[in-house]
PDB file of N, CA and C in Angstrom:
ATOM      1  N   MET A   1    -107.817 -37.522  93.176  1.00  0.00           N
ATOM      2  CA  MET A   1    -106.714 -36.827  92.555  1.00  0.00           C
ATOM      3  C   MET A   1    -106.219 -35.739  93.496  1.00  0.00           C
ATOM      4  N   ASP A   2    -104.924 -35.610  93.547  1.00  0.00           N
ATOM      5  CA  ASP A   2    -104.407 -34.560  94.420  1.00  0.00           C
ATOM      6  C   ASP A   2    -104.253 -33.263  93.633  1.00  0.00           C
ATOM      7  N   GLU A   3    -103.982 -32.206  94.344  1.00  0.00           N
ATOM      8  CA  GLU A   3    -103.921 -30.874  93.730  1.00  0.00           C
ATOM      9  C   GLU A   3    -102.784 -30.758  92.721  1.00  0.00           C
ATOM     10  N   GLY A   4    -101.683 -31.445  92.932  1.00  0.00           N
ATOM     11  CA  GLY A   4    -100.542 -31.411  92.011  1.00  0.00           C
ATOM     12  C   GLY A   4    -100.909 -32.001  90.650  1.00  0.00           C
ATOM     13  N   MET A   5    -101.640 -33.090  90.683  1.00  0.00           N
ATOM     14  CA  MET A   5    -102.061 -33.748  89.437  1.00  0.00           C
ATOM     15  C   MET A   5    -103.055 -32.877  88.673  1.00  0.00           C
ATOM     16  N   ILE A   6    -103.952 -32.245  89.374  1.00  0.00           N
ATOM     17  CA  ILE A   6    -104.923 -31.353  88.749  1.00  0.00           C
ATOM     18  C   ILE A   6    -104.207 -30.170  88.100  1.00  0.00           C
ATOM     19  N   PHE A   7    -103.210 -29.632  88.790  1.00  0.00           N
ATOM     20  CA  PHE A   7    -102.443 -28.510  88.266  1.00  0.00           C
ATOM     21  C   PHE A   7    -101.719 -28.909  86.964  1.00  0.00           C
ATOM     22  N   VAL A   8    -101.142 -30.100  86.952  1.00  0.00           N
ATOM     23  CA  VAL A   8    -100.446 -30.591  85.763  1.00  0.00           C
ATOM     24  C   VAL A   8    -101.434 -30.754  84.607  1.00  0.00           C
ATOM     25  N   MET A   9    -102.609 -31.272  84.880  1.00  0.00           N
ATOM     26  CA  MET A   9    -103.630 -31.451  83.839  1.00  0.00           C
ATOM     27  C   MET A   9    -104.081 -30.094  83.292  1.00  0.00           C
ATOM     28  N   ILE A  10    -104.239 -29.135  84.166  1.00  0.00           N
ATOM     29  CA  ILE A  10    -104.639 -27.793  83.726  1.00  0.00           C
ATOM     30  C   ILE A  10    -103.562 -27.194  82.827  1.00  0.00           C
ATOM     31  N   ILE A  11    -102.306 -27.342  83.213  1.00  0.00           N
ATOM     32  CA  ILE A  11    -101.197 -26.829  82.405  1.00  0.00           C
ATOM     33  C   ILE A  11    -101.184 -27.513  81.038  1.00  0.00           C
ATOM     34  N   LEU A  12    -101.381 -28.839  81.011  1.00  0.00           N
ATOM     35  CA  LEU A  12    -101.391 -29.565  79.750  1.00  0.00           C
ATOM     36  C   LEU A  12    -102.501 -29.062  78.836  1.00  0.00           C
ATOM     37  N   PHE A  13    -103.689 -28.951  79.354  1.00  0.00           N
ATOM     38  CA  PHE A  13    -104.810 -28.525  78.529  1.00  0.00           C
ATOM     39  C   PHE A  13    -104.754 -27.041  78.175  1.00  0.00           C
ATOM     40  N   ALA A  14    -104.219 -26.241  79.061  1.00  0.00           N
ATOM     41  CA  ALA A  14    -104.215 -24.799  78.839  1.00  0.00           C
ATOM     42  C   ALA A  14    -103.066 -24.344  77.938  1.00  0.00           C
ATOM     43  N   PHE A  15    -101.918 -24.999  77.998  1.00  0.00           N
ATOM     44  CA  PHE A  15    -100.757 -24.503  77.259  1.00  0.00           C
ATOM     45  C   PHE A  15    -100.205 -25.495  76.231  1.00  0.00           C
ATOM     46  N   VAL A  16     -99.995 -26.721  76.638  1.00  0.00           N
ATOM     47  CA  VAL A  16     -99.325 -27.679  75.760  1.00  0.00           C
ATOM     48  C   VAL A  16    -100.239 -28.109  74.612  1.00  0.00           C
ATOM     49  N   LEU A  17    -101.452 -28.445  74.894  1.00  0.00           N
ATOM     50  CA  LEU A  17    -102.375 -28.904  73.862  1.00  0.00           C
ATOM     51  C   LEU A  17    -102.587 -27.849  72.767  1.00  0.00           C
ATOM     52  N   PRO A  18    -102.831 -26.578  73.110  1.00  0.00           N
ATOM     53  CA  PRO A  18    -102.967 -25.575  72.035  1.00  0.00           C
ATOM     54  C   PRO A  18    -101.696 -25.418  71.188  1.00  0.00           C
ATOM     55  N   ILE A  19    -100.526 -25.545  71.813  1.00  0.00           N
ATOM     56  CA  ILE A  19     -99.274 -25.443  71.065  1.00  0.00           C
ATOM     57  C   ILE A  19     -99.143 -26.601  70.079  1.00  0.00           C
ATOM     58  N   VAL A  20     -99.493 -27.798  70.519  1.00  0.00           N
ATOM     59  CA  VAL A  20     -99.431 -28.973  69.637  1.00  0.00           C
ATOM     60  C   VAL A  20    -100.437 -28.826  68.499  1.00  0.00           C
ATOM     61  N   ILE A  21    -101.630 -28.391  68.802  1.00  0.00           N
ATOM     62  CA  ILE A  21    -102.650 -28.205  67.774  1.00  0.00           C
ATOM     63  C   ILE A  21    -102.203 -27.143  66.767  1.00  0.00           C
ATOM     64  N   TYR A  22    -101.669 -26.030  67.264  1.00  0.00           N
ATOM     65  CA  TYR A  22    -101.199 -24.966  66.382  1.00  0.00           C
ATOM     66  C   TYR A  22    -100.058 -25.462  65.489  1.00  0.00           C
ATOM     67  N   GLY A  23     -99.133 -26.217  66.053  1.00  0.00           N
ATOM     68  CA  GLY A  23     -98.017 -26.759  65.280  1.00  0.00           C
ATOM     69  C   GLY A  23     -98.503 -27.707  64.192  1.00  0.00           C
ATOM     70  N   THR A  24     -99.447 -28.542  64.522  1.00  0.00           N
ATOM     71  CA  THR A  24    -100.008 -29.470  63.541  1.00  0.00           C
ATOM     72  C   THR A  24    -100.727 -28.699  62.435  1.00  0.00           C
ATOM     73  N   TRP A  25    -101.472 -27.687  62.809  1.00  0.00           N
ATOM     74  CA  TRP A  25    -102.222 -26.886  61.838  1.00  0.00           C
ATOM     75  C   TRP A  25    -101.279 -26.153  60.887  1.00  0.00           C
ATOM     76  N   THR A  26    -100.211 -25.538  61.416  1.00  0.00           N
ATOM     77  CA  THR A  26     -99.273 -24.822  60.554  1.00  0.00           C
ATOM     78  C   THR A  26     -98.517 -25.789  59.641  1.00  0.00           C
ATOM     79  N   SER A  27     -98.193 -26.968  60.146  1.00  0.00           N
ATOM     80  CA  SER A  27     -97.533 -27.972  59.319  1.00  0.00           C
ATOM     81  C   SER A  27     -98.444 -28.393  58.166  1.00  0.00           C
ATOM     82  N   HIS A  28     -99.710 -28.556  58.463  1.00  0.00           N
ATOM     83  CA  HIS A  28    -100.685 -28.912  57.425  1.00  0.00           C
ATOM     84  C   HIS A  28    -100.775 -27.793  56.385  1.00  0.00           C
ATOM     85  N   LYS A  29    -100.799 -26.554  56.850  1.00  0.00           N
ATOM     86  CA  LYS A  29    -100.870 -25.418  55.918  1.00  0.00           C
ATOM     87  C   LYS A  29     -99.640 -25.389  55.002  1.00  0.00           C
ATOM     88  N   LYS A  30     -98.460 -25.653  55.546  1.00  0.00           N
ATOM     89  CA  LYS A  30     -97.238 -25.669  54.734  1.00  0.00           C
ATOM     90  C   LYS A  30     -97.296 -26.782  53.703  1.00  0.00           C
ATOM     91  N   ASP A  31     -97.771 -27.951  54.115  1.00  0.00           N
ATOM     92  CA  ASP A  31     -97.892 -29.068  53.172  1.00  0.00           C
ATOM     93  C   ASP A  31     -98.876 -28.740  52.053  1.00  0.00           C
ATOM     94  N   MET A  32     -99.977 -28.105  52.394  1.00  0.00           N
ATOM     95  CA  MET A  32    -100.962 -27.734  51.383  1.00  0.00           C
ATOM     96  C   MET A  32    -100.398 -26.682  50.435  1.00  0.00           C
ATOM     97  N   ALA A  33     -99.604 -25.745  50.952  1.00  0.00           N
ATOM     98  CA  ALA A  33     -98.982 -24.725  50.102  1.00  0.00           C
ATOM     99  C   ALA A  33     -98.009 -25.378  49.118  1.00  0.00           C
ATOM    100  N   LYS A  34     -97.236 -26.367  49.579  1.00  0.00           N
ATOM    101  CA  LYS A  34     -96.320 -27.083  48.694  1.00  0.00           C
ATOM    102  C   LYS A  34     -97.103 -27.835  47.621  1.00  0.00           C
ATOM    103  N   LEU A  35     -98.193 -28.456  48.016  1.00  0.00           N
ATOM    104  CA  LEU A  35     -99.024 -29.188  47.060  1.00  0.00           C
ATOM    105  C   LEU A  35     -99.605 -28.245  46.017  1.00  0.00           C
ATOM    106  N   ASN A  36    -100.100 -27.094  46.457  1.00  0.00           N
ATOM    107  CA  ASN A  36    -100.637 -26.103  45.516  1.00  0.00           C
ATOM    108  C   ASN A  36     -99.560 -25.590  44.583  1.00  0.00           C
ATOM    109  N   ALA A  37     -98.358 -25.392  45.106  1.00  0.00           N
ATOM    110  CA  ALA A  37     -97.257 -24.919  44.264  1.00  0.00           C
ATOM    111  C   ALA A  37     -96.925 -25.950  43.200  1.00  0.00           C
ATOM    112  N   SER A  38     -96.922 -27.222  43.578  1.00  0.00           N
ATOM    113  CA  SER A  38     -96.622 -28.255  42.584  1.00  0.00           C
ATOM    114  C   SER A  38     -97.739 -28.347  41.559  1.00  0.00           C
ATOM    115  N   LEU A  39     -98.981 -28.162  41.985  1.00  0.00           N
ATOM    116  CA  LEU A  39    -100.078 -28.157  41.033  1.00  0.00           C
ATOM    117  C   LEU A  39     -99.952 -26.960  40.090  1.00  0.00           C
ATOM    118  N   ASN A  40     -99.560 -25.831  40.633  1.00  0.00           N
ATOM    119  CA  ASN A  40     -99.381 -24.651  39.794  1.00  0.00           C
ATOM    120  C   ASN A  40     -98.270 -24.873  38.769  1.00  0.00           C
ATOM    121  N   ASP A  41     -97.189 -25.551  39.183  1.00  0.00           N
ATOM    122  CA  ASP A  41     -96.118 -25.862  38.242  1.00  0.00           C
ATOM    123  C   ASP A  41     -96.638 -26.786  37.150  1.00  0.00           C
ATOM    124  N   SER A  42     -97.453 -27.748  37.547  1.00  0.00           N
ATOM    125  CA  SER A  42     -98.042 -28.662  36.571  1.00  0.00           C
ATOM    126  C   SER A  42     -98.944 -27.907  35.604  1.00  0.00           C
ATOM    127  N   GLU A  43     -99.745 -26.998  36.129  1.00  0.00           N
ATOM    128  CA  GLU A  43    -100.617 -26.192  35.272  1.00  0.00           C
ATOM    129  C   GLU A  43     -99.793 -25.318  34.333  1.00  0.00           C
ATOM    130  N   LYS A  44     -98.697 -24.765  34.850  1.00  0.00           N
ATOM    131  CA  LYS A  44     -97.821 -23.945  34.004  1.00  0.00           C
ATOM    132  C   LYS A  44     -97.255 -24.773  32.863  1.00  0.00           C
ATOM    133  N   ASN A  45     -96.831 -25.995  33.179  1.00  0.00           N
ATOM    134  CA  ASN A  45     -96.288 -26.859  32.131  1.00  0.00           C
ATOM    135  C   ASN A  45     -97.358 -27.197  31.099  1.00  0.00           C
ATOM    136  N   ASN A  46     -98.585 -27.445  31.562  1.00  0.00           N
ATOM    137  CA  ASN A  46     -99.676 -27.724  30.629  1.00  0.00           C
ATOM    138  C   ASN A  46     -99.930 -26.525  29.720  1.00  0.00           C
ATOM    139  N   LEU A  47     -99.917 -25.331  30.296  1.00  0.00           N
ATOM    140  CA  LEU A  47    -100.137 -24.123  29.490  1.00  0.00           C
ATOM    141  C   LEU A  47     -98.998 -23.893  28.501  1.00  0.00           C
ATOM    142  N   LYS A  48     -97.772 -24.159  28.928  1.00  0.00           N
ATOM    143  CA  LYS A  48     -96.636 -24.013  28.015  1.00  0.00           C
ATOM    144  C   LYS A  48     -96.752 -24.982  26.848  1.00  0.00           C
ATOM    145  N   ASN A  49     -97.154 -26.225  27.146  1.00  0.00           N
ATOM    146  CA  ASN A  49     -97.320 -27.213  26.081  1.00  0.00           C
ATOM    147  C   ASN A  49     -98.437 -26.805  25.124  1.00  0.00           C
ATOM    148  N   GLU A  50     -99.524 -26.306  25.684  1.00  0.00           N
ATOM    149  CA  GLU A  50    -100.636 -25.869  24.846  1.00  0.00           C
ATOM    150  C   GLU A  50    -100.233 -24.677  23.980  1.00  0.00           C
ATOM    151  N   LEU A  51     -99.481 -23.742  24.553  1.00  0.00           N
ATOM    152  CA  LEU A  51     -99.009 -22.586  23.786  1.00  0.00           C
ATOM    153  C   LEU A  51     -98.085 -23.024  22.659  1.00  0.00           C
ATOM    154  N   ALA A  52     -97.202 -23.974  22.930  1.00  0.00           N
ATOM    155  CA  ALA A  52     -96.300 -24.466  21.891  1.00  0.00           C
ATOM    156  C   ALA A  52     -97.092 -25.123  20.760  1.00  0.00           C
ATOM    157  N   ALA A  53     -98.132 -25.874  21.115  1.00  0.00           N
ATOM    158  CA  ALA A  53     -98.970 -26.513  20.094  1.00  0.00           C
ATOM    159  C   ALA A  53     -99.698 -25.461  19.262  1.00  0.00           C
ATOM    160  N   MET A  54    -100.197 -24.421  19.929  1.00  0.00           N
ATOM    161  CA  MET A  54    -100.893 -23.350  19.208  1.00  0.00           C
ATOM    162  C   MET A  54     -99.940 -22.615  18.266  1.00  0.00           C
ATOM    163  N   LYS A  55     -98.715 -22.375  18.702  1.00  0.00           N
ATOM    164  CA  LYS A  55     -97.728 -21.718  17.842  1.00  0.00           C
ATOM    165  C   LYS A  55     -97.444 -22.563  16.611  1.00  0.00           C
ATOM    166  N   SER A  56     -97.340 -23.865  16.823  1.00  0.00           N
ATOM    167  CA  SER A  56     -97.087 -24.773  15.713  1.00  0.00           C
ATOM    168  C   SER A  56     -98.243 -24.733  14.716  1.00  0.00           C
ATOM    169  N   ARG A  57     -99.467 -24.760  15.214  1.00  0.00           N
ATOM    170  CA  ARG A  57    -100.640 -24.679  14.336  1.00  0.00           C
ATOM    171  C   ARG A  57    -100.678 -23.354  13.581  1.00  0.00           C
ATOM    172  N   LEU A  58    -100.343 -22.281  14.279  1.00  0.00           N
ATOM    173  CA  LEU A  58    -100.330 -20.963  13.650  1.00  0.00           C
ATOM    174  C   LEU A  58     -99.300 -20.904  12.529  1.00  0.00           C
ATOM    175  N   GLU A  59     -98.136 -21.498  12.751  1.00  0.00           N
ATOM    176  CA  GLU A  59     -97.107 -21.524  11.704  1.00  0.00           C
ATOM    177  C   GLU A  59     -97.611 -22.273  10.470  1.00  0.00           C
ATOM    178  N   VAL A  60     -98.313 -23.380  10.703  1.00  0.00           N
ATOM    179  CA  VAL A  60     -98.862 -24.144   9.581  1.00  0.00           C
ATOM    180  C   VAL A  60     -99.891 -23.303   8.830  1.00  0.00           C
ATOM    181  N   LEU A  61    -100.786 -22.649   9.573  1.00  0.00           N
ATOM    182  CA  LEU A  61    -101.799 -21.807   8.929  1.00  0.00           C
ATOM    183  C   LEU A  61    -101.175 -20.643   8.169  1.00  0.00           C
ATOM    184  N   GLU A  62    -100.142 -20.034   8.750  1.00  0.00           N
ATOM    185  CA  GLU A  62     -99.461 -18.949   8.046  1.00  0.00           C
ATOM    186  C   GLU A  62     -98.825 -19.449   6.753  1.00  0.00           C
ATOM    187  N   ALA A  63     -98.265 -20.646   6.804  1.00  0.00           N
ATOM    188  CA  ALA A  63     -97.655 -21.209   5.607  1.00  0.00           C
ATOM    189  C   ALA A  63     -98.706 -21.464   4.531  1.00  0.00           C
ATOM    190  N   ILE A  64     -99.866 -21.929   4.951  1.00  0.00           N
ATOM    191  CA  ILE A  64    -100.942 -22.190   3.986  1.00  0.00           C
ATOM    192  C   ILE A  64    -101.436 -20.887   3.378  1.00  0.00           C
ATOM    193  N   VAL A  65    -101.686 -19.892   4.206  1.00  0.00           N
ATOM    194  CA  VAL A  65    -102.258 -18.626   3.736  1.00  0.00           C
ATOM    195  C   VAL A  65    -101.276 -17.864   2.868  1.00  0.00           C
ATOM    196  N   THR A  66    -100.020 -17.938   3.159  1.00  0.00           N
ATOM    197  CA  THR A  66     -99.031 -17.200   2.363  1.00  0.00           C
ATOM    198  C   THR A  66     -98.596 -17.976   1.125  1.00  0.00           C
ATOM    199  N   ASP A  67     -99.056 -19.206   0.983  1.00  0.00           N
ATOM    200  CA  ASP A  67     -98.745 -20.005  -0.193  1.00  0.00           C
ATOM    201  C   ASP A  67     -99.412 -19.387  -1.414  1.00  0.00           C
ATOM    202  N   LYS A  68     -98.683 -19.266  -2.508  1.00  0.00           N
ATOM    203  CA  LYS A  68     -99.206 -18.618  -3.719  1.00  0.00           C
ATOM    204  C   LYS A  68    -100.383 -19.383  -4.303  1.00  0.00           C
ATOM    205  N   LYS A  69    -100.370 -20.702  -4.201  1.00  0.00           N
ATOM    206  CA  LYS A  69    -101.482 -21.500  -4.719  1.00  0.00           C
ATOM    207  C   LYS A  69    -102.770 -21.168  -3.965  1.00  0.00           C
ATOM    208  N   TYR A  70    -102.657 -20.992  -2.642  1.00  0.00           N
ATOM    209  CA  TYR A  70    -103.831 -20.661  -1.833  1.00  0.00           C
ATOM    210  C   TYR A  70    -104.365 -19.289  -2.242  1.00  0.00           C
ATOM    211  N   GLN A  71    -103.476 -18.336  -2.412  1.00  0.00           N
ATOM    212  CA  GLN A  71    -103.895 -16.989  -2.794  1.00  0.00           C
ATOM    213  C   GLN A  71    -104.558 -16.993  -4.169  1.00  0.00           C
ATOM    214  N   LEU A  72    -103.990 -17.744  -5.095  1.00  0.00           N
ATOM    215  CA  LEU A  72    -104.571 -17.835  -6.435  1.00  0.00           C
ATOM    216  C   LEU A  72    -105.952 -18.475  -6.369  1.00  0.00           C
ATOM    217  N   SER A  73    -106.084 -19.512  -5.575  1.00  0.00           N
ATOM    218  CA  SER A  73    -107.381 -20.174  -5.416  1.00  0.00           C
ATOM    219  C   SER A  73    -108.409 -19.217  -4.840  1.00  0.00           C
ATOM    220  N   GLU A  74    -108.013 -18.417  -3.868  1.00  0.00           N
ATOM    221  CA  GLU A  74    -108.923 -17.435  -3.263  1.00  0.00           C
ATOM    222  C   GLU A  74    -109.341 -16.372  -4.287  1.00  0.00           C
ATOM    223  N   GLU A  75    -108.397 -15.932  -5.104  1.00  0.00           N
ATOM    224  CA  GLU A  75    -108.725 -14.929  -6.124  1.00  0.00           C
ATOM    225  C   GLU A  75    -109.691 -15.483  -7.170  1.00  0.00           C
ATOM    226  N   ILE A  76    -109.467 -16.736  -7.576  1.00  0.00           N
ATOM    227  CA  ILE A  76    -110.379 -17.376  -8.536  1.00  0.00           C
ATOM    228  C   ILE A  76    -111.758 -17.536  -7.933  1.00  0.00           C
ATOM    229  N   SER A  77    -111.808 -17.951  -6.693  1.00  0.00           N
ATOM    230  CA  SER A  77    -113.092 -18.103  -6.007  1.00  0.00           C
ATOM    231  C   SER A  77    -113.807 -16.762  -5.908  1.00  0.00           C
ATOM    232  N   SER A  78    -113.082 -15.729  -5.621  1.00  0.00           N
ATOM    233  CA  SER A  78    -113.661 -14.385  -5.519  1.00  0.00           C
ATOM    234  C   SER A  78    -114.206 -13.924  -6.874  1.00  0.00           C
ATOM    235  N   LEU A  79    -113.473 -14.215  -7.943  1.00  0.00           N
ATOM    236  CA  LEU A  79    -113.938 -13.854  -9.282  1.00  0.00           C
ATOM    237  C   LEU A  79    -115.207 -14.621  -9.655  1.00  0.00           C
ATOM    238  N   HIS A  80    -115.267 -15.895  -9.290  1.00  0.00           N
ATOM    239  CA  HIS A  80    -116.467 -16.689  -9.556  1.00  0.00           C
ATOM    240  C   HIS A  80    -117.667 -16.110  -8.816  1.00  0.00           C
ATOM    241  N   LYS A  81    -117.469 -15.720  -7.574  1.00  0.00           N
ATOM    242  CA  LYS A  81    -118.560 -15.132  -6.787  1.00  0.00           C
ATOM    243  C   LYS A  81    -119.016 -13.817  -7.406  1.00  0.00           C
ATOM    244  N   ALA A  82    -118.064 -13.005  -7.817  1.00  0.00           N
ATOM    245  CA  ALA A  82    -118.383 -11.711  -8.435  1.00  0.00           C
ATOM    246  C   ALA A  82    -119.147 -11.919  -9.742  1.00  0.00           C
ATOM    247  N   GLN A  83    -118.730 -12.904 -10.517  1.00  0.00           N
ATOM    248  CA  GLN A  83    -119.376 -13.189 -11.793  1.00  0.00           C
ATOM    249  C   GLN A  83    -120.813 -13.683 -11.572  1.00  0.00           C
ATOM    250  N   ARG A  84    -121.005 -14.542 -10.560  1.00  0.00           N
ATOM    251  CA  ARG A  84    -122.354 -15.036 -10.258  1.00  0.00           C
ATOM    252  C   ARG A  84    -123.264 -13.912  -9.776  1.00  0.00           C
ATOM    253  N   SER A  85    -122.741 -13.017  -8.983  1.00  0.00           N
ATOM    254  CA  SER A  85    -123.590 -11.929  -8.476  1.00  0.00           C
ATOM    255  C   SER A  85    -123.911 -10.919  -9.568  1.00  0.00           C
ATOM    256  N   SER A  86    -123.032 -10.743 -10.556  1.00  0.00           N
ATOM    257  CA  SER A  86    -123.327  -9.813 -11.641  1.00  0.00           C
ATOM    258  C   SER A  86    -124.332 -10.396 -12.620  1.00  0.00           C
ATOM    259  N   ILE A  87    -124.395 -11.733 -12.709  1.00  0.00           N
ATOM    260  CA  ILE A  87    -125.351 -12.389 -13.588  1.00  0.00           C
ATOM    261  C   ILE A  87    -126.750 -12.297 -12.983  1.00  0.00           C
ATOM    262  N   ASN A  88    -126.871 -12.421 -11.695  1.00  0.00           N
ATOM    263  CA  ASN A  88    -128.194 -12.388 -11.036  1.00  0.00           C
ATOM    264  C   ASN A  88    -128.657 -11.019 -10.952  1.00  0.00           C
TER     265      ASN A  88
END
């Protein structure tokens, strides 16, 4: 090998190869950041859906608890418990 070829090889390994490696690494990091962002959006959508389901369940429970029949049933049950404890 002549000195010119050795010089070119040194330049390739010393400057070009690290630049290519760095470029590939940063590109990979950007792709991973995009993937994480999309996963985060997916997680956000899952949480929004879960929150909507919980709100719906809460509305149903509020309707049950505020229903007069439920309140009357609770009062009767409470009176039965009080009556049993006073007998014992």
